[in-house]
Amino acid sequence: METRPCPKCNEMMDEGWISLTGSGYMGYVSKKQTGMLKVQTKVNQARACPNYGYVEMYLDPKELKQRIS
């Protein structure tokens, strides 16, 4: 998948995937994480368009930057 800039701030987006936990919350896992243990960054908020199905999910950017640096 091609990395693209954020449509809101133009910063290059991080690529990863969404994962569900046994605790019942959704988390994001960056492909940049190394090692055997990949730690999720908890998704704190989501919004969805009822007309088009477009979904936005939000997490703490500071927490994500700690995991991928």
PDB file of N, CA and C in Angstrom:
ATOM      1  N   MET A   1       0.838  -1.175   0.000  1.00  0.00           N
ATOM      2  CA  MET A   1       0.000   0.000   0.000  1.00  0.00           C
ATOM      3  C   MET A   1       0.885   1.240   0.000  1.00  0.00           C
ATOM      4  N   GLU A   2       0.514   2.215  -0.780  1.00  0.00           N
ATOM      5  CA  GLU A   2       1.285   3.447  -0.908  1.00  0.00           C
ATOM      6  C   GLU A   2       1.036   4.363   0.289  1.00  0.00           C
ATOM      7  N   THR A   3       2.113   4.891   0.880  1.00  0.00           N
ATOM      8  CA  THR A   3       1.979   5.840   1.976  1.00  0.00           C
ATOM      9  C   THR A   3       1.513   7.175   1.412  1.00  0.00           C
ATOM     10  N   ARG A   4       0.543   7.777   2.071  1.00  0.00           N
ATOM     11  CA  ARG A   4      -0.032   9.039   1.593  1.00  0.00           C
ATOM     12  C   ARG A   4      -0.003  10.078   2.700  1.00  0.00           C
ATOM     13  N   PRO A   5      -0.070  11.348   2.321  1.00  0.00           N
ATOM     14  CA  PRO A   5      -0.120  12.399   3.343  1.00  0.00           C
ATOM     15  C   PRO A   5      -1.503  12.474   3.990  1.00  0.00           C
ATOM     16  N   CYS A   6      -1.514  12.956   5.211  1.00  0.00           N
ATOM     17  CA  CYS A   6      -2.762  13.164   5.946  1.00  0.00           C
ATOM     18  C   CYS A   6      -3.603  14.219   5.222  1.00  0.00           C
ATOM     19  N   PRO A   7      -4.898  13.951   5.004  1.00  0.00           N
ATOM     20  CA  PRO A   7      -5.732  14.938   4.318  1.00  0.00           C
ATOM     21  C   PRO A   7      -5.991  16.201   5.146  1.00  0.00           C
ATOM     22  N   LYS A   8      -5.670  16.156   6.446  1.00  0.00           N
ATOM     23  CA  LYS A   8      -5.922  17.317   7.299  1.00  0.00           C
ATOM     24  C   LYS A   8      -4.678  18.175   7.522  1.00  0.00           C
ATOM     25  N   CYS A   9      -3.476  17.530   7.650  1.00  0.00           N
ATOM     26  CA  CYS A   9      -2.277  18.316   7.982  1.00  0.00           C
ATOM     27  C   CYS A   9      -1.123  18.117   6.999  1.00  0.00           C
ATOM     28  N   ASN A  10      -1.247  17.180   6.071  1.00  0.00           N
ATOM     29  CA  ASN A  10      -0.248  16.909   5.040  1.00  0.00           C
ATOM     30  C   ASN A  10       0.990  16.155   5.540  1.00  0.00           C
ATOM     31  N   GLU A  11       1.029  15.739   6.809  1.00  0.00           N
ATOM     32  CA  GLU A  11       2.105  14.900   7.337  1.00  0.00           C
ATOM     33  C   GLU A  11       1.961  13.504   6.721  1.00  0.00           C
ATOM     34  N   MET A  12       3.076  12.823   6.452  1.00  0.00           N
ATOM     35  CA  MET A  12       2.980  11.479   5.886  1.00  0.00           C
ATOM     36  C   MET A  12       2.332  10.535   6.896  1.00  0.00           C
ATOM     37  N   MET A  13       1.355   9.758   6.428  1.00  0.00           N
ATOM     38  CA  MET A  13       0.625   8.838   7.284  1.00  0.00           C
ATOM     39  C   MET A  13       1.490   7.627   7.622  1.00  0.00           C
ATOM     40  N   ASP A  14       1.276   7.051   8.802  1.00  0.00           N
ATOM     41  CA  ASP A  14       1.924   5.813   9.204  1.00  0.00           C
ATOM     42  C   ASP A  14       1.050   4.661   8.714  1.00  0.00           C
ATOM     43  N   GLU A  15       1.662   3.580   8.273  1.00  0.00           N
ATOM     44  CA  GLU A  15       0.907   2.432   7.785  1.00  0.00           C
ATOM     45  C   GLU A  15       0.909   1.329   8.838  1.00  0.00           C
ATOM     46  N   GLY A  16      -0.222   0.709   9.031  1.00  0.00           N
ATOM     47  CA  GLY A  16      -0.347  -0.360  10.013  1.00  0.00           C
ATOM     48  C   GLY A  16      -1.674  -1.062   9.862  1.00  0.00           C
ATOM     49  N   TRP A  17      -2.172  -1.611  10.957  1.00  0.00           N
ATOM     50  CA  TRP A  17      -3.457  -2.306  10.918  1.00  0.00           C
ATOM     51  C   TRP A  17      -4.200  -2.127  12.231  1.00  0.00           C
ATOM     52  N   ILE A  18      -5.490  -2.447  12.201  1.00  0.00           N
ATOM     53  CA  ILE A  18      -6.350  -2.363  13.374  1.00  0.00           C
ATOM     54  C   ILE A  18      -6.437  -3.761  13.988  1.00  0.00           C
ATOM     55  N   SER A  19      -6.390  -3.814  15.301  1.00  0.00           N
ATOM     56  CA  SER A  19      -6.438  -5.081  16.006  1.00  0.00           C
ATOM     57  C   SER A  19      -7.394  -4.958  17.188  1.00  0.00           C
ATOM     58  N   LEU A  20      -8.148  -6.006  17.448  1.00  0.00           N
ATOM     59  CA  LEU A  20      -9.039  -6.028  18.607  1.00  0.00           C
ATOM     60  C   LEU A  20      -8.339  -6.742  19.749  1.00  0.00           C
ATOM     61  N   THR A  21      -8.590  -6.273  20.972  1.00  0.00           N
ATOM     62  CA  THR A  21      -7.965  -6.894  22.138  1.00  0.00           C
ATOM     63  C   THR A  21      -8.993  -7.751  22.878  1.00  0.00           C
ATOM     64  N   GLY A  22      -8.511  -8.579  23.746  1.00  0.00           N
ATOM     65  CA  GLY A  22      -9.389  -9.364  24.596  1.00  0.00           C
ATOM     66  C   GLY A  22     -10.139  -8.496  25.587  1.00  0.00           C
ATOM     67  N   SER A  23      -9.653  -7.283  25.811  1.00  0.00           N
ATOM     68  CA  SER A  23     -10.305  -6.351  26.735  1.00  0.00           C
ATOM     69  C   SER A  23     -11.485  -5.635  26.098  1.00  0.00           C
ATOM     70  N   GLY A  24     -11.673  -5.828  24.794  1.00  0.00           N
ATOM     71  CA  GLY A  24     -12.811  -5.237  24.125  1.00  0.00           C
ATOM     72  C   GLY A  24     -12.570  -3.881  23.495  1.00  0.00           C
ATOM     73  N   TYR A  25     -11.327  -3.413  23.427  1.00  0.00           N
ATOM     74  CA  TYR A  25     -11.079  -2.150  22.736  1.00  0.00           C
ATOM     75  C   TYR A  25     -10.322  -2.399  21.444  1.00  0.00           C
ATOM     76  N   MET A  26     -10.339  -1.406  20.576  1.00  0.00           N
ATOM     77  CA  MET A  26      -9.670  -1.482  19.291  1.00  0.00           C
ATOM     78  C   MET A  26      -8.337  -0.755  19.395  1.00  0.00           C
ATOM     79  N   GLY A  27      -7.309  -1.318  18.775  1.00  0.00           N
ATOM     80  CA  GLY A  27      -5.998  -0.689  18.805  1.00  0.00           C
ATOM     81  C   GLY A  27      -5.385  -0.643  17.419  1.00  0.00           C
ATOM     82  N   TYR A  28      -4.394   0.218  17.257  1.00  0.00           N
ATOM     83  CA  TYR A  28      -3.663   0.381  16.003  1.00  0.00           C
ATOM     84  C   TYR A  28      -2.254  -0.155  16.206  1.00  0.00           C
ATOM     85  N   VAL A  29      -1.754  -0.909  15.237  1.00  0.00           N
ATOM     86  CA  VAL A  29      -0.403  -1.449  15.293  1.00  0.00           C
ATOM     87  C   VAL A  29       0.356  -0.962  14.058  1.00  0.00           C
ATOM     88  N   SER A  30       1.455  -0.263  14.268  1.00  0.00           N
ATOM     89  CA  SER A  30       2.268   0.267  13.180  1.00  0.00           C
ATOM     90  C   SER A  30       3.149  -0.819  12.586  1.00  0.00           C
ATOM     91  N   LYS A  31       3.329  -0.801  11.263  1.00  0.00           N
ATOM     92  CA  LYS A  31       4.247  -1.723  10.608  1.00  0.00           C
ATOM     93  C   LYS A  31       5.697  -1.376  10.939  1.00  0.00           C
ATOM     94  N   LYS A  32       5.946  -0.175  11.464  1.00  0.00           N
ATOM     95  CA  LYS A  32       7.312   0.247  11.802  1.00  0.00           C
ATOM     96  C   LYS A  32       7.820  -0.393  13.091  1.00  0.00           C
ATOM     97  N   GLN A  33       6.925  -0.947  13.903  1.00  0.00           N
ATOM     98  CA  GLN A  33       7.351  -1.558  15.156  1.00  0.00           C
ATOM     99  C   GLN A  33       8.203  -2.784  14.853  1.00  0.00           C
ATOM    100  N   THR A  34       9.266  -2.954  15.624  1.00  0.00           N
ATOM    101  CA  THR A  34      10.168  -4.080  15.420  1.00  0.00           C
ATOM    102  C   THR A  34      10.061  -5.056  16.586  1.00  0.00           C
ATOM    103  N   GLY A  35      10.632  -6.201  16.417  1.00  0.00           N
ATOM    104  CA  GLY A  35      10.625  -7.205  17.475  1.00  0.00           C
ATOM    105  C   GLY A  35       9.404  -8.108  17.400  1.00  0.00           C
ATOM    106  N   MET A  36       9.371  -9.081  18.283  1.00  0.00           N
ATOM    107  CA  MET A  36       8.275 -10.057  18.275  1.00  0.00           C
ATOM    108  C   MET A  36       6.993  -9.477  18.841  1.00  0.00           C
ATOM    109  N   LEU A  37       7.104  -8.615  19.848  1.00  0.00           N
ATOM    110  CA  LEU A  37       5.926  -8.059  20.504  1.00  0.00           C
ATOM    111  C   LEU A  37       5.558  -6.722  19.869  1.00  0.00           C
ATOM    112  N   LYS A  38       4.415  -6.676  19.246  1.00  0.00           N
ATOM    113  CA  LYS A  38       3.898  -5.445  18.644  1.00  0.00           C
ATOM    114  C   LYS A  38       2.840  -4.886  19.600  1.00  0.00           C
ATOM    115  N   VAL A  39       3.044  -3.673  20.082  1.00  0.00           N
ATOM    116  CA  VAL A  39       2.156  -3.073  21.070  1.00  0.00           C
ATOM    117  C   VAL A  39       1.113  -2.202  20.380  1.00  0.00           C
ATOM    118  N   GLN A  40      -0.122  -2.359  20.780  1.00  0.00           N
ATOM    119  CA  GLN A  40      -1.209  -1.573  20.204  1.00  0.00           C
ATOM    120  C   GLN A  40      -1.275  -0.192  20.831  1.00  0.00           C
ATOM    121  N   THR A  41      -1.663   0.780  20.016  1.00  0.00           N
ATOM    122  CA  THR A  41      -2.005   2.109  20.505  1.00  0.00           C
ATOM    123  C   THR A  41      -3.526   2.166  20.498  1.00  0.00           C
ATOM    124  N   LYS A  42      -4.112   2.384  21.644  1.00  0.00           N
ATOM    125  CA  LYS A  42      -5.567   2.335  21.784  1.00  0.00           C
ATOM    126  C   LYS A  42      -6.241   3.418  20.937  1.00  0.00           C
ATOM    127  N   VAL A  43      -7.256   3.009  20.185  1.00  0.00           N
ATOM    128  CA  VAL A  43      -8.083   3.954  19.436  1.00  0.00           C
ATOM    129  C   VAL A  43      -9.074   4.545  20.432  1.00  0.00           C
ATOM    130  N   ASN A  44      -9.007   5.865  20.620  1.00  0.00           N
ATOM    131  CA  ASN A  44      -9.822   6.537  21.635  1.00  0.00           C
ATOM    132  C   ASN A  44     -11.171   7.026  21.134  1.00  0.00           C
ATOM    133  N   GLN A  45     -11.269   7.291  19.843  1.00  0.00           N
ATOM    134  CA  GLN A  45     -12.491   7.887  19.313  1.00  0.00           C
ATOM    135  C   GLN A  45     -12.638   7.519  17.850  1.00  0.00           C
ATOM    136  N   ALA A  46     -13.872   7.388  17.399  1.00  0.00           N
ATOM    137  CA  ALA A  46     -14.136   7.119  15.980  1.00  0.00           C
ATOM    138  C   ALA A  46     -15.375   7.901  15.556  1.00  0.00           C
ATOM    139  N   ARG A  47     -15.409   8.258  14.270  1.00  0.00           N
ATOM    140  CA  ARG A  47     -16.566   8.933  13.686  1.00  0.00           C
ATOM    141  C   ARG A  47     -16.867   8.268  12.352  1.00  0.00           C
ATOM    142  N   ALA A  48     -18.153   8.178  12.003  1.00  0.00           N
ATOM    143  CA  ALA A  48     -18.546   7.565  10.735  1.00  0.00           C
ATOM    144  C   ALA A  48     -19.602   8.417  10.049  1.00  0.00           C
ATOM    145  N   CYS A  49     -19.494   8.538   8.725  1.00  0.00           N
ATOM    146  CA  CYS A  49     -20.472   9.258   7.920  1.00  0.00           C
ATOM    147  C   CYS A  49     -21.649   8.324   7.637  1.00  0.00           C
ATOM    148  N   PRO A  50     -22.870   8.693   8.025  1.00  0.00           N
ATOM    149  CA  PRO A  50     -24.012   7.823   7.782  1.00  0.00           C
ATOM    150  C   PRO A  50     -24.420   7.747   6.309  1.00  0.00           C
ATOM    151  N   ASN A  51     -23.938   8.655   5.474  1.00  0.00           N
ATOM    152  CA  ASN A  51     -24.282   8.636   4.052  1.00  0.00           C
ATOM    153  C   ASN A  51     -23.313   7.823   3.201  1.00  0.00           C
ATOM    154  N   TYR A  52     -22.004   7.927   3.496  1.00  0.00           N
ATOM    155  CA  TYR A  52     -20.991   7.315   2.644  1.00  0.00           C
ATOM    156  C   TYR A  52     -20.244   6.161   3.298  1.00  0.00           C
ATOM    157  N   GLY A  53     -20.320   6.028   4.615  1.00  0.00           N
ATOM    158  CA  GLY A  53     -19.601   4.966   5.304  1.00  0.00           C
ATOM    159  C   GLY A  53     -18.146   5.289   5.592  1.00  0.00           C
ATOM    160  N   TYR A  54     -17.710   6.516   5.294  1.00  0.00           N
ATOM    161  CA  TYR A  54     -16.334   6.931   5.584  1.00  0.00           C
ATOM    162  C   TYR A  54     -16.139   6.930   7.099  1.00  0.00           C
ATOM    163  N   VAL A  55     -15.037   6.355   7.554  1.00  0.00           N
ATOM    164  CA  VAL A  55     -14.772   6.246   8.989  1.00  0.00           C
ATOM    165  C   VAL A  55     -13.441   6.909   9.309  1.00  0.00           C
ATOM    166  N   GLU A  56     -13.411   7.685  10.386  1.00  0.00           N
ATOM    167  CA  GLU A  56     -12.176   8.261  10.929  1.00  0.00           C
ATOM    168  C   GLU A  56     -11.990   7.700  12.330  1.00  0.00           C
ATOM    169  N   MET A  57     -10.760   7.303  12.656  1.00  0.00           N
ATOM    170  CA  MET A  57     -10.441   6.829  13.996  1.00  0.00           C
ATOM    171  C   MET A  57      -9.320   7.685  14.553  1.00  0.00           C
ATOM    172  N   TYR A  58      -9.353   7.932  15.835  1.00  0.00           N
ATOM    173  CA  TYR A  58      -8.375   8.809  16.473  1.00  0.00           C
ATOM    174  C   TYR A  58      -7.705   8.091  17.636  1.00  0.00           C
ATOM    175  N   LEU A  59      -6.384   8.327  17.749  1.00  0.00           N
ATOM    176  CA  LEU A  59      -5.606   7.813  18.863  1.00  0.00           C
ATOM    177  C   LEU A  59      -4.693   8.916  19.365  1.00  0.00           C
ATOM    178  N   ASP A  60      -3.992   8.671  20.445  1.00  0.00           N
ATOM    179  CA  ASP A  60      -3.079   9.667  21.019  1.00  0.00           C
ATOM    180  C   ASP A  60      -1.801   9.683  20.169  1.00  0.00           C
ATOM    181  N   PRO A  61      -1.533  10.771  19.413  1.00  0.00           N
ATOM    182  CA  PRO A  61      -0.358  10.797  18.543  1.00  0.00           C
ATOM    183  C   PRO A  61       0.961  10.698  19.305  1.00  0.00           C
ATOM    184  N   LYS A  62       1.017  11.195  20.529  1.00  0.00           N
ATOM    185  CA  LYS A  62       2.250  11.087  21.324  1.00  0.00           C
ATOM    186  C   LYS A  62       2.560   9.624  21.622  1.00  0.00           C
ATOM    187  N   GLU A  63       1.516   8.853  21.960  1.00  0.00           N
ATOM    188  CA  GLU A  63       1.695   7.439  22.252  1.00  0.00           C
ATOM    189  C   GLU A  63       2.172   6.695  20.998  1.00  0.00           C
ATOM    190  N   LEU A  64       1.586   7.006  19.849  1.00  0.00           N
ATOM    191  CA  LEU A  64       2.002   6.362  18.605  1.00  0.00           C
ATOM    192  C   LEU A  64       3.461   6.685  18.284  1.00  0.00           C
ATOM    193  N   LYS A  65       3.860   7.945  18.408  1.00  0.00           N
ATOM    194  CA  LYS A  65       5.238   8.351  18.110  1.00  0.00           C
ATOM    195  C   LYS A  65       6.239   7.628  19.016  1.00  0.00           C
ATOM    196  N   GLN A  66       5.872   7.370  20.273  1.00  0.00           N
ATOM    197  CA  GLN A  66       6.754   6.629  21.181  1.00  0.00           C
ATOM    198  C   GLN A  66       6.957   5.202  20.671  1.00  0.00           C
ATOM    199  N   ARG A  67       5.904   4.618  20.120  1.00  0.00           N
ATOM    200  CA  ARG A  67       5.974   3.219  19.687  1.00  0.00           C
ATOM    201  C   ARG A  67       6.755   3.051  18.381  1.00  0.00           C
ATOM    202  N   ILE A  68       6.791   4.071  17.532  1.00  0.00           N
ATOM    203  CA  ILE A  68       7.451   3.915  16.234  1.00  0.00           C
ATOM    204  C   ILE A  68       8.808   4.596  16.143  1.00  0.00           C
ATOM    205  N   SER A  69       9.248   5.259  17.232  1.00  0.00           N
ATOM    206  CA  SER A  69      10.561   5.908  17.169  1.00  0.00           C
ATOM    207  C   SER A  69      11.637   4.985  17.663  1.00  0.00           C
TER     208      SER A  69
END
